[in-house]
């Protein structure tokens, strides 16, 4: 199971007025543990005002860049404790607690491929999208990429200097289209947010794109992800395996305070739950209608991994070895992972009298 490691900041640099680039150095002895795939993220743990806070931020690097640092982009959120600290107080040579890379927002590349990759990003969603786009260009010399990137204004475009440098570096293989939602543009096509109607117009403007054959990386507001992914799969008939997305937060319309009909329907039973953490076994009793398996483990002070607790990241992922569980929400695991028995324990409730879960996956 992944643990937190102390890493030193070697870059704290403002990117826009409300976003900061933060890089941590990976010492030689931790290189293997911090080996990563494009599109993955880092979990940070810190104490703020006497409380432990955990947040996940996507890695901006691409593996092919061969850097001894990992960089994240942190956008300042209103009332955000961790984002506020990173943007306003973090300094060079500060030691941060960081968990090794996690996440499955990526695809495989092969140097003989001739493909088109399309990044659809809004705001800080650029981080994992850019990581994926960069790696595709490094790994596949005959493939090309498009980046459709939406922000409030051009002054809010994050990673702009790097993006422009990449356009030059890859000499025509990367095309970037900026959209602005609160600023006028001489061409109305580039005003507004990424949505199905806007994408339809952009595809008409770029007839060279084989929409059905392209692979898509989508990250931004949850409603954008849902609407665009549905549009690509249903209206444009893009195979689901080619439509990749990552949520930063759960979809807006989900009411986390109200019990779902599916949850109401599960039987009310008492279960003996056993969890395996770092080869040690811990057991506790849990009613199927009570708190999640993760919440109960935390209440019992067990060393379980977690971050978002909203079904968005994979930090609390475990494998079901025995029994069955009900998972309320899942915005992180693939269908294949679920079929193989993986679950997000922050969303799980036991539905059999005996359940065993392995966090050491």
Protein backbone atom coordinates (compact mmCIF):
# COMPACT_ATOMS: atom_id res chain seq x y z
CA UNK A 1 0.00 0.00 0.00
CA UNK A 2 1.17 3.52 -0.73
CA UNK A 3 2.46 5.68 2.13
CA UNK A 4 3.40 9.35 2.36
CA UNK A 5 7.00 10.43 1.75
CA UNK A 6 8.72 13.73 2.55
CA UNK A 7 9.68 15.61 -0.61
CA UNK A 8 11.26 19.05 -0.95
CA UNK A 9 9.80 21.78 -3.13
CA UNK A 10 12.22 22.96 -5.81
CA UNK A 11 9.79 25.19 -7.72
CA UNK A 12 7.04 27.49 -6.47
CA UNK A 13 6.14 29.73 -9.38
CA UNK A 14 3.01 31.70 -10.12
CA UNK A 15 1.42 30.62 -13.41
CA UNK A 16 -1.54 33.02 -13.44
CA UNK A 17 -2.92 35.39 -10.81
CA UNK A 18 -4.82 32.51 -9.20
CA UNK A 19 -2.67 29.45 -9.93
CA UNK A 20 0.79 28.27 -8.94
CA UNK A 21 3.18 25.67 -10.37
CA UNK A 22 4.73 23.52 -7.63
CA UNK A 23 7.49 20.98 -8.27
CA UNK A 24 8.87 18.50 -5.77
CA UNK A 25 12.23 16.78 -6.12
CA UNK A 26 12.33 12.99 -6.28
CA UNK A 27 15.50 11.68 -4.60
CA UNK A 28 17.33 8.78 -6.20
CA UNK A 29 16.22 6.29 -3.55
CA UNK A 30 12.53 7.05 -4.29
CA UNK A 31 12.71 7.03 -8.10
CA UNK A 32 11.07 3.62 -8.39
CA UNK A 33 8.26 4.46 -5.98
CA UNK A 34 7.50 7.72 -7.80
CA UNK A 35 7.65 6.32 -11.33
CA UNK A 36 4.46 7.50 -12.99
CA UNK A 37 2.22 7.31 -16.03
CA UNK A 38 0.88 10.28 -17.92
CA UNK A 39 -2.36 11.65 -16.45
CA UNK A 40 -1.74 10.43 -12.89
CA UNK A 41 -1.96 12.54 -9.73
CA UNK A 42 -0.24 13.07 -6.39
CA UNK A 43 -1.90 13.10 -2.98
CA UNK A 44 -0.62 15.70 -0.52
CA UNK A 45 -1.10 15.62 3.25
CA UNK A 46 -0.59 18.64 5.47
CA UNK A 47 -1.64 20.14 8.78
CA UNK A 48 -3.51 23.45 8.52
CA UNK A 49 -4.92 25.19 11.61
CA UNK A 50 -4.42 21.99 13.58
CA UNK A 51 -6.38 19.82 11.14
CA UNK A 52 -5.09 17.21 8.74
CA UNK A 53 -5.97 18.07 5.14
CA UNK A 54 -5.50 15.89 2.06
CA UNK A 55 -5.76 16.96 -1.56
CA UNK A 56 -5.00 15.41 -4.92
CA UNK A 57 -3.36 17.37 -7.76
CA UNK A 58 -2.63 16.08 -11.25
CA UNK A 59 0.94 15.74 -12.48
CA UNK A 60 1.81 18.11 -15.33
CA UNK A 61 4.92 16.20 -16.44
CA UNK A 62 5.07 13.54 -19.12
CA UNK A 63 7.16 10.43 -18.34
CA UNK A 64 9.22 10.94 -21.51
CA UNK A 65 10.50 14.26 -20.18
CA UNK A 66 12.78 12.29 -17.82
CA UNK A 67 12.74 14.85 -15.04
CA UNK A 68 13.86 14.29 -11.45
CA UNK A 69 10.94 16.44 -10.32
CA UNK A 70 7.17 16.07 -10.41
CA UNK A 71 5.12 19.21 -10.99
CA UNK A 72 1.51 20.01 -10.20
CA UNK A 73 -0.64 23.04 -10.94
CA UNK A 74 -2.73 24.32 -8.02
CA UNK A 75 -5.57 26.72 -8.72
CA UNK A 76 -6.71 28.96 -5.87
CA UNK A 77 -10.25 28.06 -4.84
CA UNK A 78 -12.50 30.35 -2.83
CA UNK A 79 -12.19 29.22 0.77
CA UNK A 80 -9.77 26.47 -0.25
CA UNK A 81 -7.50 25.65 2.70
CA UNK A 82 -4.86 23.69 0.79
CA UNK A 83 -5.05 25.63 -2.47
CA UNK A 84 -4.83 28.84 -0.43
CA UNK A 85 -1.73 27.60 1.35
CA UNK A 86 -0.05 26.50 -1.89
CA UNK A 87 -0.79 29.80 -3.60
CA UNK A 88 -0.12 32.21 -0.75
CA UNK A 89 2.28 30.62 1.75
CA UNK A 90 4.25 27.76 0.21
CA UNK A 91 7.94 28.48 -0.27
CA UNK A 92 11.01 26.92 -1.86
CA UNK A 93 12.76 24.09 0.01
CA UNK A 94 9.64 23.38 2.05
CA UNK A 95 9.10 19.71 2.84
CA UNK A 96 5.74 18.27 1.82
CA UNK A 97 4.19 14.88 2.54
CA UNK A 98 3.38 13.23 -0.76
CA UNK A 99 2.00 9.84 -1.75
CA UNK A 100 3.36 8.07 -4.87
CA UNK A 101 1.47 8.64 -8.16
CA UNK A 102 -1.95 7.10 -8.64
CA UNK A 103 -4.73 7.12 -11.22
CA UNK A 104 -5.70 5.53 -14.51
CA UNK A 105 -6.49 8.52 -16.75
CA UNK A 106 -4.27 7.39 -19.62
CA UNK A 107 -3.92 5.08 -22.59
CA UNK A 108 -1.09 3.06 -24.11
CA UNK A 109 1.15 4.31 -26.91
CA UNK A 110 3.26 2.57 -29.54
CA UNK A 111 5.86 4.22 -31.78
CA UNK A 112 4.30 2.77 -34.96
CA UNK A 113 0.85 4.26 -34.28
CA UNK A 114 -0.54 6.95 -36.56
CA UNK A 115 -3.33 8.46 -34.48
CA UNK A 116 -5.05 11.69 -33.53
CA UNK A 117 -5.36 12.67 -29.87
CA UNK A 118 -7.69 15.45 -28.78
CA UNK A 119 -7.45 17.17 -25.40
CA UNK A 120 -10.59 18.89 -24.12
CA UNK A 121 -9.71 20.92 -21.04
CA UNK A 122 -11.18 23.74 -18.97
CA UNK A 123 -9.29 25.67 -16.32
CA UNK A 124 -7.02 23.55 -14.15
CA UNK A 125 -8.21 20.47 -16.04
CA UNK A 126 -5.29 21.25 -18.32
CA UNK A 127 -2.83 19.41 -16.03
CA UNK A 128 -3.66 15.73 -16.75
CA UNK A 129 -4.77 16.51 -20.31
CA UNK A 130 -1.46 18.20 -21.10
CA UNK A 131 0.48 15.30 -19.58
CA UNK A 132 -1.37 12.87 -21.85
CA UNK A 133 -1.02 15.00 -24.97
CA UNK A 134 2.70 15.49 -24.41
CA UNK A 135 3.35 11.80 -23.94
CA UNK A 136 1.43 10.92 -27.11
CA UNK A 137 3.63 13.29 -29.11
CA UNK A 138 6.85 12.00 -27.55
CA UNK A 139 5.97 8.33 -27.92
CA UNK A 140 4.34 8.36 -31.36
CA UNK A 141 6.30 10.44 -33.90
CA UNK A 142 3.67 9.96 -36.61
CA UNK A 143 0.66 10.88 -34.47
CA UNK A 144 -0.71 14.39 -34.00
CA UNK A 145 -2.75 16.16 -31.35
CA UNK A 146 -5.28 18.93 -30.87
CA UNK A 147 -5.89 20.84 -27.65
CA UNK A 148 -9.20 22.64 -27.19
CA UNK A 149 -8.74 24.68 -24.01
CA UNK A 150 -11.40 26.86 -22.35
CA UNK A 151 -10.85 29.64 -19.77
CA UNK A 152 -12.57 32.80 -18.61
CA UNK A 153 -10.10 35.00 -20.49
CA UNK A 154 -6.69 34.76 -22.09
CA UNK A 155 -5.17 36.07 -18.86
CA UNK A 156 -6.53 32.97 -17.12
CA UNK A 157 -4.96 30.49 -19.53
CA UNK A 158 -2.80 28.22 -17.39
CA UNK A 159 0.44 26.65 -18.65
CA UNK A 160 0.26 29.00 -21.65
CA UNK A 161 4.01 29.50 -21.99
CA UNK A 162 4.59 25.75 -21.93
CA UNK A 163 1.77 25.09 -24.38
CA UNK A 164 3.15 27.62 -26.86
CA UNK A 165 6.64 26.13 -26.51
CA UNK A 166 5.22 22.68 -27.25
CA UNK A 167 3.52 23.97 -30.41
CA UNK A 168 6.93 25.11 -31.64
CA UNK A 169 8.73 21.99 -30.43
CA UNK A 170 6.45 19.57 -32.25
CA UNK A 171 6.42 21.62 -35.44
CA UNK A 172 2.82 21.37 -36.59
CA UNK A 173 1.91 18.10 -34.84
CA UNK A 174 0.16 19.99 -32.02
CA UNK A 175 -2.63 22.45 -32.78
CA UNK A 176 -4.08 24.54 -29.95
CA UNK A 177 -7.48 26.24 -29.94
CA UNK A 178 -8.23 28.58 -27.04
CA UNK A 179 -11.80 29.43 -26.04
CA UNK A 180 -12.79 32.28 -23.70
CA UNK A 181 -16.11 32.54 -21.86
CA UNK A 182 -15.94 36.09 -20.47
CA UNK A 183 -14.04 37.90 -23.17
CA UNK A 184 -14.84 38.98 -26.72
CA UNK A 185 -13.03 37.38 -29.64
CA UNK A 186 -12.89 38.52 -33.25
CA UNK A 187 -14.23 35.09 -34.20
CA UNK A 188 -17.35 34.12 -32.23
CA UNK A 189 -16.46 30.46 -32.61
CA UNK A 190 -13.81 30.95 -29.93
CA UNK A 191 -16.20 32.54 -27.43
CA UNK A 192 -17.90 30.33 -24.86
CA UNK A 193 -17.24 27.06 -23.10
CA UNK A 194 -16.55 23.58 -24.34
CA UNK A 195 -19.90 21.87 -24.86
CA UNK A 196 -21.46 19.59 -27.50
CA UNK A 197 -22.68 22.48 -29.69
CA UNK A 198 -19.30 24.20 -29.54
CA UNK A 199 -17.48 20.96 -30.34
CA UNK A 200 -19.74 20.38 -33.34
CA UNK A 201 -18.75 23.81 -34.67
CA UNK A 202 -15.06 23.19 -33.98
CA UNK A 203 -15.14 19.85 -35.80
CA UNK A 204 -16.79 21.57 -38.78
CA UNK A 205 -13.95 24.11 -38.76
CA UNK A 206 -11.41 21.27 -38.71
CA UNK A 207 -12.70 18.72 -41.25
CA UNK A 208 -9.29 17.01 -41.28
CA UNK A 209 -10.14 15.46 -37.87
CA UNK A 210 -11.53 11.95 -38.09
CA UNK A 211 -13.80 12.42 -35.09
CA UNK A 212 -14.78 8.76 -34.73
CA UNK A 213 -11.19 7.49 -34.85
CA UNK A 214 -9.60 10.02 -32.48
CA UNK A 215 -8.81 9.39 -28.81
CA UNK A 216 -10.06 12.03 -26.36
CA UNK A 217 -8.77 13.24 -22.99
CA UNK A 218 -11.40 15.28 -21.11
CA UNK A 219 -11.00 17.15 -17.82
CA UNK A 220 -12.82 20.16 -16.40
CA UNK A 221 -16.14 20.89 -14.67
CA UNK A 222 -18.19 17.75 -14.13
CA UNK A 223 -21.09 18.90 -16.31
CA UNK A 224 -18.70 19.56 -19.20
CA UNK A 225 -17.24 16.06 -18.86
CA UNK A 226 -20.65 14.37 -18.76
CA UNK A 227 -22.17 16.28 -21.67
CA UNK A 228 -19.11 16.07 -23.92
CA UNK A 229 -18.46 12.37 -23.21
CA UNK A 230 -22.11 11.54 -23.94
CA UNK A 231 -22.03 13.60 -27.14
CA UNK A 232 -18.91 11.86 -28.42
CA UNK A 233 -20.13 8.35 -27.58
CA UNK A 234 -23.80 8.70 -28.55
CA UNK A 235 -23.94 11.36 -31.28
CA UNK A 236 -20.52 10.89 -32.90
CA UNK A 237 -20.36 7.11 -32.29
CA UNK A 238 -16.85 7.27 -30.80
CA UNK A 239 -16.05 3.93 -29.06
CA UNK A 240 -16.12 4.34 -25.28
CA UNK A 241 -12.54 3.05 -24.99
CA UNK A 242 -11.40 6.17 -26.88
CA UNK A 243 -13.22 8.64 -24.60
CA UNK A 244 -11.11 9.09 -21.45
CA UNK A 245 -12.01 11.53 -18.71
CA UNK A 246 -11.15 12.45 -15.15
CA UNK A 247 -13.34 14.19 -12.59
CA UNK A 248 -11.83 16.60 -10.09
CA UNK A 249 -15.13 16.74 -8.19
CA UNK A 250 -18.27 14.61 -8.27
CA UNK A 251 -20.93 15.61 -10.82
CA UNK A 252 -22.77 18.71 -9.68
CA UNK A 253 -26.26 17.28 -9.78
CA UNK A 254 -25.41 14.50 -7.35
CA UNK A 255 -27.02 15.13 -3.98
CA UNK A 256 -24.57 13.66 -1.50
CA UNK A 257 -26.93 14.28 1.40
CA UNK A 258 -29.74 12.09 0.08
CA UNK A 259 -29.65 8.30 0.09
CA UNK A 260 -29.98 6.79 -3.40
CA UNK A 261 -32.81 4.39 -4.23
CA UNK A 262 -30.22 1.66 -4.85
CA UNK A 263 -28.75 2.20 -1.39
CA UNK A 264 -32.20 2.16 0.22
CA UNK A 265 -32.86 -1.19 -1.45
CA UNK A 266 -29.90 -3.09 0.01
CA UNK A 267 -30.59 -5.44 2.92
CA UNK A 268 -29.98 -4.29 6.49
CA UNK A 269 -27.36 -6.74 7.78
CA UNK A 270 -24.50 -6.90 10.24
CA UNK A 271 -21.18 -7.81 8.65
CA UNK A 272 -17.70 -8.74 9.80
CA UNK A 273 -15.37 -6.70 7.60
CA UNK A 274 -11.67 -7.55 7.35
CA UNK A 275 -9.23 -5.25 5.59
CA UNK A 276 -5.64 -6.05 4.62
CA UNK A 277 -3.26 -3.10 4.93
CA UNK A 278 0.50 -3.54 4.47
CA UNK A 279 0.08 -7.31 4.95
CA UNK A 280 -1.67 -6.81 8.31
CA UNK A 281 -5.31 -7.78 8.86
CA UNK A 282 -7.82 -5.66 10.77
CA UNK A 283 -11.45 -6.61 11.44
CA UNK A 284 -14.53 -4.71 12.57
CA UNK A 285 -18.31 -5.08 12.64
CA UNK A 286 -20.31 -2.81 10.32
CA UNK A 287 -24.01 -2.48 9.55
CA UNK A 288 -24.74 -2.26 5.83
CA UNK A 289 -26.87 0.86 6.39
CA UNK A 290 -24.25 2.68 8.49
CA UNK A 291 -21.13 4.55 7.40
CA UNK A 292 -18.91 3.44 4.53
CA UNK A 293 -16.16 0.87 5.03
CA UNK A 294 -13.55 3.63 4.76
CA UNK A 295 -15.28 5.86 7.32
CA UNK A 296 -15.56 2.98 9.79
CA UNK A 297 -11.89 2.09 9.29
CA UNK A 298 -10.91 5.71 9.91
CA UNK A 299 -13.11 5.84 13.01
CA UNK A 300 -11.17 2.81 14.28
CA UNK A 301 -7.88 4.63 13.54
CA UNK A 302 -6.78 2.10 10.92
CA UNK A 303 -4.01 3.26 8.51
CA UNK A 304 -6.21 3.23 5.41
CA UNK A 305 -5.31 5.41 2.40
CA UNK A 306 -7.77 8.11 1.36
CA UNK A 307 -8.00 11.55 -0.20
CA UNK A 308 -11.22 12.89 -1.74
CA UNK A 309 -13.76 10.56 -0.03
CA UNK A 310 -16.16 11.39 -2.86
CA UNK A 311 -15.59 8.54 -5.31
CA UNK A 312 -13.50 10.75 -7.59
CA UNK A 313 -9.92 9.61 -6.96
CA UNK A 314 -8.58 6.06 -6.60
CA UNK A 315 -6.66 6.53 -3.36
CA UNK A 316 -8.95 4.28 -1.30
CA UNK A 317 -9.11 1.55 -3.95
CA UNK A 318 -9.18 -2.02 -2.67
CA UNK A 319 -9.84 -5.48 -4.06
CA UNK A 320 -12.77 -7.53 -2.79
CA UNK A 321 -11.37 -10.94 -1.83
CA UNK A 322 -14.46 -12.34 -0.12
CA UNK A 323 -18.12 -11.38 0.12
CA UNK A 324 -19.91 -8.56 -1.64
CA UNK A 325 -20.25 -4.80 -1.22
CA UNK A 326 -22.49 -2.07 -2.61
CA UNK A 327 -20.63 0.90 -4.15
CA UNK A 328 -22.72 4.08 -4.10
CA UNK A 329 -20.71 6.12 -6.60
CA UNK A 330 -17.76 5.58 -8.90
CA UNK A 331 -16.14 8.33 -10.93
CA UNK A 332 -12.64 6.84 -10.97
CA UNK A 333 -12.52 3.10 -11.61
CA UNK A 334 -12.84 1.73 -15.13
CA UNK A 335 -15.44 -0.90 -16.01
CA UNK A 336 -12.61 -3.40 -16.34
CA UNK A 337 -11.35 -2.65 -12.81
CA UNK A 338 -14.84 -3.05 -11.38
CA UNK A 339 -15.24 -6.36 -13.22
CA UNK A 340 -11.96 -7.52 -11.66
CA UNK A 341 -13.31 -6.82 -8.16
CA UNK A 342 -11.85 -3.40 -7.37
CA UNK A 343 -13.92 -0.91 -5.39
CA UNK A 344 -13.67 2.56 -3.87
CA UNK A 345 -14.02 1.90 -0.15
CA UNK A 346 -15.21 5.45 0.57
CA UNK A 347 -18.40 4.47 -1.28
CA UNK A 348 -18.75 0.86 -0.12
CA UNK A 349 -21.14 -0.84 2.26
CA UNK A 350 -21.07 -4.58 3.06
CA UNK A 351 -23.97 -6.65 1.68
CA UNK A 352 -22.89 -10.07 2.97
CA UNK A 353 -22.16 -11.24 6.50
CA UNK A 354 -18.45 -11.59 5.78
CA UNK A 355 -16.38 -9.20 3.64
CA UNK A 356 -12.62 -9.15 3.07
CA UNK A 357 -10.86 -6.32 1.23
CA UNK A 358 -7.23 -5.95 0.24
CA UNK A 359 -5.76 -2.44 0.11
CA UNK A 360 -2.35 -3.78 -0.95
CA UNK A 361 -3.10 -3.55 -4.67
